[in-house]
């Protein structure tokens, strides 16, 4: 698909998801940013970018993307959970045993 239409929004989004699944987060980021140029109001893309930034250790960028994703799709529970998780990384861990 990339050879046929390297500017394809769908193709770039699918490549971003593919590389994210393969844990090649830098490549996933490159493809996702291409999509963001033409589809900045796509909540799924912004959530994916949040996940990519989180995997890259870029917490503030991840929080920003999750916040945008939530504004675009306020009922999407996984975006809200991701934002909660990144804001409070210790939340949900079991208490230390005594």
PDB file of N, CA and C in Angstrom:
ATOM      1  N   UNK A   1       0.825  -1.187   0.000  1.00  0.00           N
ATOM      2  CA  UNK A   1       0.000   0.000   0.000  1.00  0.00           C
ATOM      3  C   UNK A   1       0.874   1.257   0.000  1.00  0.00           C
ATOM      4  N   UNK A   2       1.951   1.210   0.746  1.00  0.00           N
ATOM      5  CA  UNK A   2       2.832   2.377   0.819  1.00  0.00           C
ATOM      6  C   UNK A   2       3.441   2.686  -0.547  1.00  0.00           C
ATOM      7  N   UNK A   3       3.749   1.662  -1.319  1.00  0.00           N
ATOM      8  CA  UNK A   3       4.322   1.877  -2.642  1.00  0.00           C
ATOM      9  C   UNK A   3       3.295   2.482  -3.601  1.00  0.00           C
ATOM     10  N   UNK A   4       2.031   2.092  -3.437  1.00  0.00           N
ATOM     11  CA  UNK A   4       0.978   2.579  -4.320  1.00  0.00           C
ATOM     12  C   UNK A   4       0.593   4.022  -3.984  1.00  0.00           C
ATOM     13  N   UNK A   5       0.392   4.290  -2.684  1.00  0.00           N
ATOM     14  CA  UNK A   5      -0.030   5.633  -2.271  1.00  0.00           C
ATOM     15  C   UNK A   5       0.575   5.966  -0.909  1.00  0.00           C
ATOM     16  N   UNK A   6       1.793   6.491  -0.894  1.00  0.00           N
ATOM     17  CA  UNK A   6       2.463   6.761   0.382  1.00  0.00           C
ATOM     18  C   UNK A   6       1.775   7.829   1.228  1.00  0.00           C
ATOM     19  N   UNK A   7       0.868   8.606   0.635  1.00  0.00           N
ATOM     20  CA  UNK A   7       0.159   9.644   1.378  1.00  0.00           C
ATOM     21  C   UNK A   7      -1.221   9.185   1.854  1.00  0.00           C
ATOM     22  N   UNK A   8      -1.537   7.935   1.651  1.00  0.00           N
ATOM     23  CA  UNK A   8      -2.838   7.411   2.047  1.00  0.00           C
ATOM     24  C   UNK A   8      -3.006   7.487   3.566  1.00  0.00           C
ATOM     25  N   UNK A   9      -4.072   8.143   3.992  1.00  0.00           N
ATOM     26  CA  UNK A   9      -4.361   8.258   5.422  1.00  0.00           C
ATOM     27  C   UNK A   9      -4.610   6.874   6.012  1.00  0.00           C
ATOM     28  N   UNK A  10      -5.421   6.083   5.329  1.00  0.00           N
ATOM     29  CA  UNK A  10      -5.733   4.741   5.823  1.00  0.00           C
ATOM     30  C   UNK A  10      -4.472   3.884   5.855  1.00  0.00           C
ATOM     31  N   UNK A  11      -3.695   3.948   4.806  1.00  0.00           N
ATOM     32  CA  UNK A  11      -2.454   3.170   4.754  1.00  0.00           C
ATOM     33  C   UNK A  11      -1.492   3.549   5.864  1.00  0.00           C
ATOM     34  N   UNK A  12      -1.313   4.830   6.092  1.00  0.00           N
ATOM     35  CA  UNK A  12      -0.404   5.275   7.150  1.00  0.00           C
ATOM     36  C   UNK A  12      -0.929   4.887   8.531  1.00  0.00           C
ATOM     37  N   UNK A  13      -2.242   4.977   8.729  1.00  0.00           N
ATOM     38  CA  UNK A  13      -2.825   4.577  10.010  1.00  0.00           C
ATOM     39  C   UNK A  13      -2.602   3.087  10.255  1.00  0.00           C
ATOM     40  N   UNK A  14      -2.853   2.281   9.229  1.00  0.00           N
ATOM     41  CA  UNK A  14      -2.645   0.839   9.371  1.00  0.00           C
ATOM     42  C   UNK A  14      -1.179   0.507   9.621  1.00  0.00           C
ATOM     43  N   UNK A  15      -0.279   1.230   8.978  1.00  0.00           N
ATOM     44  CA  UNK A  15       1.150   0.999   9.212  1.00  0.00           C
ATOM     45  C   UNK A  15       1.525   1.385  10.647  1.00  0.00           C
ATOM     46  N   UNK A  16       0.942   2.466  11.153  1.00  0.00           N
ATOM     47  CA  UNK A  16       1.200   2.876  12.535  1.00  0.00           C
ATOM     48  C   UNK A  16       0.747   1.786  13.499  1.00  0.00           C
ATOM     49  N   UNK A  17      -0.441   1.246  13.268  1.00  0.00           N
ATOM     50  CA  UNK A  17      -0.949   0.169  14.127  1.00  0.00           C
ATOM     51  C   UNK A  17      -0.080  -1.080  14.010  1.00  0.00           C
ATOM     52  N   UNK A  18       0.355  -1.391  12.789  1.00  0.00           N
ATOM     53  CA  UNK A  18       1.203  -2.560  12.556  1.00  0.00           C
ATOM     54  C   UNK A  18       2.514  -2.443  13.335  1.00  0.00           C
ATOM     55  N   UNK A  19       3.187  -1.307  13.196  1.00  0.00           N
ATOM     56  CA  UNK A  19       4.462  -1.146  13.886  1.00  0.00           C
ATOM     57  C   UNK A  19       4.282  -1.035  15.395  1.00  0.00           C
ATOM     58  N   UNK A  20       3.158  -0.486  15.836  1.00  0.00           N
ATOM     59  CA  UNK A  20       2.886  -0.455  17.276  1.00  0.00           C
ATOM     60  C   UNK A  20       2.747  -1.884  17.801  1.00  0.00           C
ATOM     61  N   UNK A  21       2.001  -2.716  17.086  1.00  0.00           N
ATOM     62  CA  UNK A  21       1.819  -4.112  17.485  1.00  0.00           C
ATOM     63  C   UNK A  21       3.152  -4.863  17.513  1.00  0.00           C
ATOM     64  N   UNK A  22       4.070  -4.483  16.645  1.00  0.00           N
ATOM     65  CA  UNK A  22       5.397  -5.115  16.599  1.00  0.00           C
ATOM     66  C   UNK A  22       6.378  -4.481  17.584  1.00  0.00           C
ATOM     67  N   UNK A  23       5.890  -3.494  18.337  1.00  0.00           N
ATOM     68  CA  UNK A  23       6.685  -2.786  19.338  1.00  0.00           C
ATOM     69  C   UNK A  23       7.823  -1.965  18.731  1.00  0.00           C
ATOM     70  N   UNK A  24       7.647  -1.566  17.486  1.00  0.00           N
ATOM     71  CA  UNK A  24       8.578  -0.655  16.827  1.00  0.00           C
ATOM     72  C   UNK A  24       7.947   0.735  16.939  1.00  0.00           C
ATOM     73  N   UNK A  25       8.084   1.322  18.125  1.00  0.00           N
ATOM     74  CA  UNK A  25       7.347   2.533  18.456  1.00  0.00           C
ATOM     75  C   UNK A  25       7.816   3.765  17.684  1.00  0.00           C
ATOM     76  N   UNK A  26       9.090   3.831  17.345  1.00  0.00           N
ATOM     77  CA  UNK A  26       9.580   4.965  16.557  1.00  0.00           C
ATOM     78  C   UNK A  26       8.937   4.973  15.167  1.00  0.00           C
ATOM     79  N   UNK A  27       8.883   3.813  14.539  1.00  0.00           N
ATOM     80  CA  UNK A  27       8.257   3.739  13.214  1.00  0.00           C
ATOM     81  C   UNK A  27       6.762   3.998  13.312  1.00  0.00           C
ATOM     82  N   UNK A  28       6.132   3.444  14.341  1.00  0.00           N
ATOM     83  CA  UNK A  28       4.697   3.682  14.542  1.00  0.00           C
ATOM     84  C   UNK A  28       4.438   5.174  14.687  1.00  0.00           C
ATOM     85  N   UNK A  29       5.316   5.849  15.418  1.00  0.00           N
ATOM     86  CA  UNK A  29       5.177   7.291  15.620  1.00  0.00           C
ATOM     87  C   UNK A  29       5.250   8.040  14.295  1.00  0.00           C
ATOM     88  N   UNK A  30       6.183   7.680  13.461  1.00  0.00           N
ATOM     89  CA  UNK A  30       6.354   8.344  12.165  1.00  0.00           C
ATOM     90  C   UNK A  30       5.079   8.246  11.333  1.00  0.00           C
ATOM     91  N   UNK A  31       4.521   7.056  11.248  1.00  0.00           N
ATOM     92  CA  UNK A  31       3.300   6.870  10.457  1.00  0.00           C
ATOM     93  C   UNK A  31       2.114   7.591  11.083  1.00  0.00           C
ATOM     94  N   UNK A  32       1.986   7.519  12.395  1.00  0.00           N
ATOM     95  CA  UNK A  32       0.863   8.167  13.072  1.00  0.00           C
ATOM     96  C   UNK A  32       0.920   9.679  12.905  1.00  0.00           C
ATOM     97  N   UNK A  33       2.103  10.253  12.974  1.00  0.00           N
ATOM     98  CA  UNK A  33       2.233  11.707  12.791  1.00  0.00           C
ATOM     99  C   UNK A  33       1.850  12.125  11.372  1.00  0.00           C
ATOM    100  N   UNK A  34       2.113  11.273  10.398  1.00  0.00           N
ATOM    101  CA  UNK A  34       1.683  11.579   9.025  1.00  0.00           C
ATOM    102  C   UNK A  34       0.167  11.689   8.960  1.00  0.00           C
ATOM    103  N   UNK A  35      -0.505  10.771   9.636  1.00  0.00           N
ATOM    104  CA  UNK A  35      -1.971  10.790   9.639  1.00  0.00           C
ATOM    105  C   UNK A  35      -2.486  12.028  10.362  1.00  0.00           C
ATOM    106  N   UNK A  36      -1.831  12.377  11.458  1.00  0.00           N
ATOM    107  CA  UNK A  36      -2.270  13.523  12.261  1.00  0.00           C
ATOM    108  C   UNK A  36      -2.271  14.815  11.450  1.00  0.00           C
ATOM    109  N   UNK A  37      -1.388  14.933  10.480  1.00  0.00           N
ATOM    110  CA  UNK A  37      -1.341  16.141   9.644  1.00  0.00           C
ATOM    111  C   UNK A  37      -2.652  16.375   8.909  1.00  0.00           C
ATOM    112  N   UNK A  38      -3.288  15.314   8.469  1.00  0.00           N
ATOM    113  CA  UNK A  38      -4.526  15.482   7.710  1.00  0.00           C
ATOM    114  C   UNK A  38      -5.782  15.109   8.484  1.00  0.00           C
ATOM    115  N   UNK A  39      -5.647  14.396   9.586  1.00  0.00           N
ATOM    116  CA  UNK A  39      -6.813  13.979  10.374  1.00  0.00           C
ATOM    117  C   UNK A  39      -6.594  14.245  11.866  1.00  0.00           C
ATOM    118  N   UNK A  40      -6.359  15.498  12.247  1.00  0.00           N
ATOM    119  CA  UNK A  40      -6.062  15.774  13.662  1.00  0.00           C
ATOM    120  C   UNK A  40      -7.252  15.557  14.591  1.00  0.00           C
ATOM    121  N   UNK A  41      -8.454  15.473  14.052  1.00  0.00           N
ATOM    122  CA  UNK A  41      -9.642  15.301  14.891  1.00  0.00           C
ATOM    123  C   UNK A  41     -10.113  13.853  14.958  1.00  0.00           C
ATOM    124  N   UNK A  42      -9.244  12.916  14.647  1.00  0.00           N
ATOM    125  CA  UNK A  42      -9.598  11.500  14.715  1.00  0.00           C
ATOM    126  C   UNK A  42      -9.237  10.971  16.104  1.00  0.00           C
ATOM    127  N   UNK A  43     -10.249  10.623  16.878  1.00  0.00           N
ATOM    128  CA  UNK A  43     -10.011  10.193  18.265  1.00  0.00           C
ATOM    129  C   UNK A  43      -9.199   8.907  18.348  1.00  0.00           C
ATOM    130  N   UNK A  44      -9.458   7.958  17.464  1.00  0.00           N
ATOM    131  CA  UNK A  44      -8.707   6.694  17.489  1.00  0.00           C
ATOM    132  C   UNK A  44      -7.223   6.942  17.229  1.00  0.00           C
ATOM    133  N   UNK A  45      -6.938   7.810  16.281  1.00  0.00           N
ATOM    134  CA  UNK A  45      -5.544   8.152  15.996  1.00  0.00           C
ATOM    135  C   UNK A  45      -4.896   8.805  17.209  1.00  0.00           C
ATOM    136  N   UNK A  46      -5.603   9.749  17.845  1.00  0.00           N
ATOM    137  CA  UNK A  46      -5.024  10.451  18.985  1.00  0.00           C
ATOM    138  C   UNK A  46      -4.804   9.484  20.149  1.00  0.00           C
ATOM    139  N   UNK A  47      -5.708   8.524  20.322  1.00  0.00           N
ATOM    140  CA  UNK A  47      -5.499   7.501  21.344  1.00  0.00           C
ATOM    141  C   UNK A  47      -4.298   6.624  21.021  1.00  0.00           C
ATOM    142  N   UNK A  48      -4.151   6.271  19.753  1.00  0.00           N
ATOM    143  CA  UNK A  48      -2.982   5.493  19.333  1.00  0.00           C
ATOM    144  C   UNK A  48      -1.699   6.280  19.572  1.00  0.00           C
ATOM    145  N   UNK A  49      -1.713   7.561  19.234  1.00  0.00           N
ATOM    146  CA  UNK A  49      -0.533   8.394  19.483  1.00  0.00           C
ATOM    147  C   UNK A  49      -0.216   8.453  20.981  1.00  0.00           C
ATOM    148  N   UNK A  50      -1.258   8.531  21.804  1.00  0.00           N
ATOM    149  CA  UNK A  50      -1.037   8.497  23.251  1.00  0.00           C
ATOM    150  C   UNK A  50      -0.333   7.219  23.664  1.00  0.00           C
ATOM    151  N   UNK A  51      -0.775   6.104  23.128  1.00  0.00           N
ATOM    152  CA  UNK A  51      -0.155   4.812  23.442  1.00  0.00           C
ATOM    153  C   UNK A  51       1.288   4.747  22.946  1.00  0.00           C
ATOM    154  N   UNK A  52       1.517   5.300  21.773  1.00  0.00           N
ATOM    155  CA  UNK A  52       2.871   5.310  21.214  1.00  0.00           C
ATOM    156  C   UNK A  52       3.794   6.150  22.101  1.00  0.00           C
ATOM    157  N   UNK A  53       3.347   7.357  22.438  1.00  0.00           N
ATOM    158  CA  UNK A  53       4.167   8.220  23.295  1.00  0.00           C
ATOM    159  C   UNK A  53       4.399   7.583  24.661  1.00  0.00           C
ATOM    160  N   UNK A  54       3.376   6.928  25.187  1.00  0.00           N
ATOM    161  CA  UNK A  54       3.529   6.250  26.477  1.00  0.00           C
ATOM    162  C   UNK A  54       4.602   5.166  26.378  1.00  0.00           C
ATOM    163  N   UNK A  55       4.566   4.391  25.308  1.00  0.00           N
ATOM    164  CA  UNK A  55       5.560   3.336  25.104  1.00  0.00           C
ATOM    165  C   UNK A  55       6.967   3.906  24.919  1.00  0.00           C
ATOM    166  N   UNK A  56       7.049   5.108  24.362  1.00  0.00           N
ATOM    167  CA  UNK A  56       8.347   5.756  24.170  1.00  0.00           C
ATOM    168  C   UNK A  56       8.839   6.469  25.437  1.00  0.00           C
ATOM    169  N   UNK A  57       8.012   6.464  26.489  1.00  0.00           N
ATOM    170  CA  UNK A  57       8.395   7.122  27.736  1.00  0.00           C
ATOM    171  C   UNK A  57       8.164   8.625  27.723  1.00  0.00           C
ATOM    172  N   UNK A  58       7.385   9.107  26.786  1.00  0.00           N
ATOM    173  CA  UNK A  58       7.113  10.543  26.668  1.00  0.00           C
ATOM    174  C   UNK A  58       5.758  10.843  27.317  1.00  0.00           C
ATOM    175  N   UNK A  59       5.735  10.847  28.656  1.00  0.00           N
ATOM    176  CA  UNK A  59       4.496  10.952  29.419  1.00  0.00           C
ATOM    177  C   UNK A  59       3.693  12.200  29.112  1.00  0.00           C
ATOM    178  N   UNK A  60       4.325  13.357  29.054  1.00  0.00           N
ATOM    179  CA  UNK A  60       3.552  14.592  28.827  1.00  0.00           C
ATOM    180  C   UNK A  60       2.911  14.582  27.443  1.00  0.00           C
ATOM    181  N   UNK A  61       3.626  14.074  26.444  1.00  0.00           N
ATOM    182  CA  UNK A  61       3.046  13.971  25.100  1.00  0.00           C
ATOM    183  C   UNK A  61       1.882  12.975  25.106  1.00  0.00           C
ATOM    184  N   UNK A  62       2.054  11.869  25.808  1.00  0.00           N
ATOM    185  CA  UNK A  62       0.997  10.857  25.901  1.00  0.00           C
ATOM    186  C   UNK A  62      -0.244  11.445  26.566  1.00  0.00           C
ATOM    187  N   UNK A  63      -0.053  12.170  27.665  1.00  0.00           N
ATOM    188  CA  UNK A  63      -1.191  12.778  28.352  1.00  0.00           C
ATOM    189  C   UNK A  63      -1.921  13.751  27.428  1.00  0.00           C
ATOM    190  N   UNK A  64      -1.170  14.561  26.696  1.00  0.00           N
ATOM    191  CA  UNK A  64      -1.782  15.512  25.777  1.00  0.00           C
ATOM    192  C   UNK A  64      -2.625  14.788  24.727  1.00  0.00           C
ATOM    193  N   UNK A  65      -2.106  13.715  24.161  1.00  0.00           N
ATOM    194  CA  UNK A  65      -2.849  12.985  23.131  1.00  0.00           C
ATOM    195  C   UNK A  65      -4.088  12.313  23.713  1.00  0.00           C
ATOM    196  N   UNK A  66      -3.966  11.727  24.903  1.00  0.00           N
ATOM    197  CA  UNK A  66      -5.142  11.118  25.534  1.00  0.00           C
ATOM    198  C   UNK A  66      -6.194  12.171  25.855  1.00  0.00           C
ATOM    199  N   UNK A  67      -5.770  13.341  26.301  1.00  0.00           N
ATOM    200  CA  UNK A  67      -6.723  14.417  26.597  1.00  0.00           C
ATOM    201  C   UNK A  67      -7.481  14.839  25.342  1.00  0.00           C
ATOM    202  N   UNK A  68      -6.780  14.960  24.234  1.00  0.00           N
ATOM    203  CA  UNK A  68      -7.432  15.308  22.968  1.00  0.00           C
ATOM    204  C   UNK A  68      -8.387  14.189  22.562  1.00  0.00           C
ATOM    205  N   UNK A  69      -7.953  12.954  22.680  1.00  0.00           N
ATOM    206  CA  UNK A  69      -8.801  11.816  22.318  1.00  0.00           C
ATOM    207  C   UNK A  69     -10.087  11.826  23.145  1.00  0.00           C
ATOM    208  N   UNK A  70      -9.979  12.155  24.427  1.00  0.00           N
ATOM    209  CA  UNK A  70     -11.156  12.207  25.303  1.00  0.00           C
ATOM    210  C   UNK A  70     -12.086  13.336  24.887  1.00  0.00           C
ATOM    211  N   UNK A  71     -11.517  14.494  24.548  1.00  0.00           N
ATOM    212  CA  UNK A  71     -12.367  15.604  24.080  1.00  0.00           C
ATOM    213  C   UNK A  71     -13.121  15.220  22.807  1.00  0.00           C
ATOM    214  N   UNK A  72     -12.462  14.478  21.935  1.00  0.00           N
ATOM    215  CA  UNK A  72     -13.074  14.086  20.670  1.00  0.00           C
ATOM    216  C   UNK A  72     -14.082  12.949  20.837  1.00  0.00           C
ATOM    217  N   UNK A  73     -13.852  12.073  21.819  1.00  0.00           N
ATOM    218  CA  UNK A  73     -14.735  10.917  22.062  1.00  0.00           C
ATOM    219  C   UNK A  73     -14.907  10.745  23.569  1.00  0.00           C
ATOM    220  N   UNK A  74     -15.722  11.598  24.195  1.00  0.00           N
ATOM    221  CA  UNK A  74     -15.827  11.607  25.657  1.00  0.00           C
ATOM    222  C   UNK A  74     -16.356  10.309  26.273  1.00  0.00           C
ATOM    223  N   UNK A  75     -17.023   9.492  25.517  1.00  0.00           N
ATOM    224  CA  UNK A  75     -17.566   8.243  26.059  1.00  0.00           C
ATOM    225  C   UNK A  75     -16.643   7.049  25.886  1.00  0.00           C
ATOM    226  N   UNK A  76     -15.476   7.265  25.324  1.00  0.00           N
ATOM    227  CA  UNK A  76     -14.521   6.179  25.073  1.00  0.00           C
ATOM    228  C   UNK A  76     -13.758   5.887  26.368  1.00  0.00           C
ATOM    229  N   UNK A  77     -14.166   4.845  27.069  1.00  0.00           N
ATOM    230  CA  UNK A  77     -13.622   4.542  28.394  1.00  0.00           C
ATOM    231  C   UNK A  77     -12.124   4.211  28.362  1.00  0.00           C
ATOM    232  N   UNK A  78     -11.648   3.583  27.304  1.00  0.00           N
ATOM    233  CA  UNK A  78     -10.230   3.202  27.296  1.00  0.00           C
ATOM    234  C   UNK A  78      -9.312   4.413  27.244  1.00  0.00           C
ATOM    235  N   UNK A  79      -9.734   5.505  26.610  1.00  0.00           N
ATOM    236  CA  UNK A  79      -8.915   6.715  26.615  1.00  0.00           C
ATOM    237  C   UNK A  79      -8.857   7.305  28.023  1.00  0.00           C
ATOM    238  N   UNK A  80      -9.986   7.305  28.702  1.00  0.00           N
ATOM    239  CA  UNK A  80     -10.036   7.839  30.065  1.00  0.00           C
ATOM    240  C   UNK A  80      -9.176   6.994  31.004  1.00  0.00           C
ATOM    241  N   UNK A  81      -9.254   5.683  30.856  1.00  0.00           N
ATOM    242  CA  UNK A  81      -8.447   4.785  31.695  1.00  0.00           C
ATOM    243  C   UNK A  81      -6.960   4.984  31.417  1.00  0.00           C
ATOM    244  N   UNK A  82      -6.594   5.137  30.166  1.00  0.00           N
ATOM    245  CA  UNK A  82      -5.186   5.356  29.812  1.00  0.00           C
ATOM    246  C   UNK A  82      -4.673   6.646  30.432  1.00  0.00           C
ATOM    247  N   UNK A  83      -5.478   7.697  30.387  1.00  0.00           N
ATOM    248  CA  UNK A  83      -5.066   8.974  30.973  1.00  0.00           C
ATOM    249  C   UNK A  83      -4.924   8.846  32.489  1.00  0.00           C
ATOM    250  N   UNK A  84      -5.867   8.167  33.137  1.00  0.00           N
ATOM    251  CA  UNK A  84      -5.756   7.943  34.588  1.00  0.00           C
ATOM    252  C   UNK A  84      -4.486   7.160  34.913  1.00  0.00           C
ATOM    253  N   UNK A  85      -4.220   6.127  34.132  1.00  0.00           N
ATOM    254  CA  UNK A  85      -3.053   5.276  34.370  1.00  0.00           C
ATOM    255  C   UNK A  85      -1.750   6.073  34.256  1.00  0.00           C
ATOM    256  N   UNK A  86      -1.663   6.933  33.274  1.00  0.00           N
ATOM    257  CA  UNK A  86      -0.415   7.665  33.063  1.00  0.00           C
ATOM    258  C   UNK A  86      -0.263   8.816  34.058  1.00  0.00           C
ATOM    259  N   UNK A  87      -1.382   9.394  34.492  1.00  0.00           N
ATOM    260  CA  UNK A  87      -1.309  10.462  35.493  1.00  0.00           C
ATOM    261  C   UNK A  87      -0.901   9.930  36.862  1.00  0.00           C
ATOM    262  N   UNK A  88      -1.326   8.719  37.180  1.00  0.00           N
ATOM    263  CA  UNK A  88      -1.022   8.131  38.482  1.00  0.00           C
ATOM    264  C   UNK A  88      -0.512   6.712  38.278  1.00  0.00           C
ATOM    265  N   UNK A  89       0.765   6.579  37.898  1.00  0.00           N
ATOM    266  CA  UNK A  89       1.298   5.255  37.561  1.00  0.00           C
ATOM    267  C   UNK A  89       1.277   4.263  38.720  1.00  0.00           C
ATOM    268  N   UNK A  90       1.204   4.729  39.973  1.00  0.00           N
ATOM    269  CA  UNK A  90       1.168   3.827  41.116  1.00  0.00           C
ATOM    270  C   UNK A  90      -0.214   3.322  41.439  1.00  0.00           C
ATOM    271  N   UNK A  91      -1.239   3.944  40.846  1.00  0.00           N
ATOM    272  CA  UNK A  91      -2.618   3.556  41.115  1.00  0.00           C
ATOM    273  C   UNK A  91      -2.885   2.151  40.586  1.00  0.00           C
ATOM    274  N   UNK A  92      -3.585   1.369  41.380  1.00  0.00           N
ATOM    275  CA  UNK A  92      -3.953   0.046  40.936  1.00  0.00           C
ATOM    276  C   UNK A  92      -2.945  -1.039  41.280  1.00  0.00           C
ATOM    277  N   UNK A  93      -1.786  -0.645  41.791  1.00  0.00           N
ATOM    278  CA  UNK A  93      -0.814  -1.653  42.203  1.00  0.00           C
ATOM    279  C   UNK A  93      -1.186  -2.131  43.596  1.00  0.00           C
ATOM    280  N   UNK A  94      -0.951  -3.392  43.869  1.00  0.00           N
ATOM    281  CA  UNK A  94      -1.290  -3.920  45.188  1.00  0.00           C
ATOM    282  C   UNK A  94      -0.446  -3.269  46.288  1.00  0.00           C
ATOM    283  N   UNK A  95      -1.020  -3.167  47.462  1.00  0.00           N
ATOM    284  CA  UNK A  95      -0.287  -2.597  48.606  1.00  0.00           C
ATOM    285  C   UNK A  95       0.838  -3.545  48.974  1.00  0.00           C
ATOM    286  N   UNK A  96       1.953  -2.994  49.465  1.00  0.00           N
ATOM    287  CA  UNK A  96       3.062  -3.864  49.877  1.00  0.00           C
ATOM    288  C   UNK A  96       2.630  -4.810  50.987  1.00  0.00           C
ATOM    289  N   UNK A  97       3.140  -6.027  50.951  1.00  0.00           N
ATOM    290  CA  UNK A  97       2.807  -7.033  51.965  1.00  0.00           C
ATOM    291  C   UNK A  97       3.627  -6.803  53.208  1.00  0.00           C
ATOM    292  N   UNK A  98       3.020  -7.062  54.336  1.00  0.00           N
ATOM    293  CA  UNK A  98       3.713  -6.890  55.621  1.00  0.00           C
ATOM    294  C   UNK A  98       4.074  -8.213  56.216  1.00  0.00           C
TER     295      UNK A  98
END
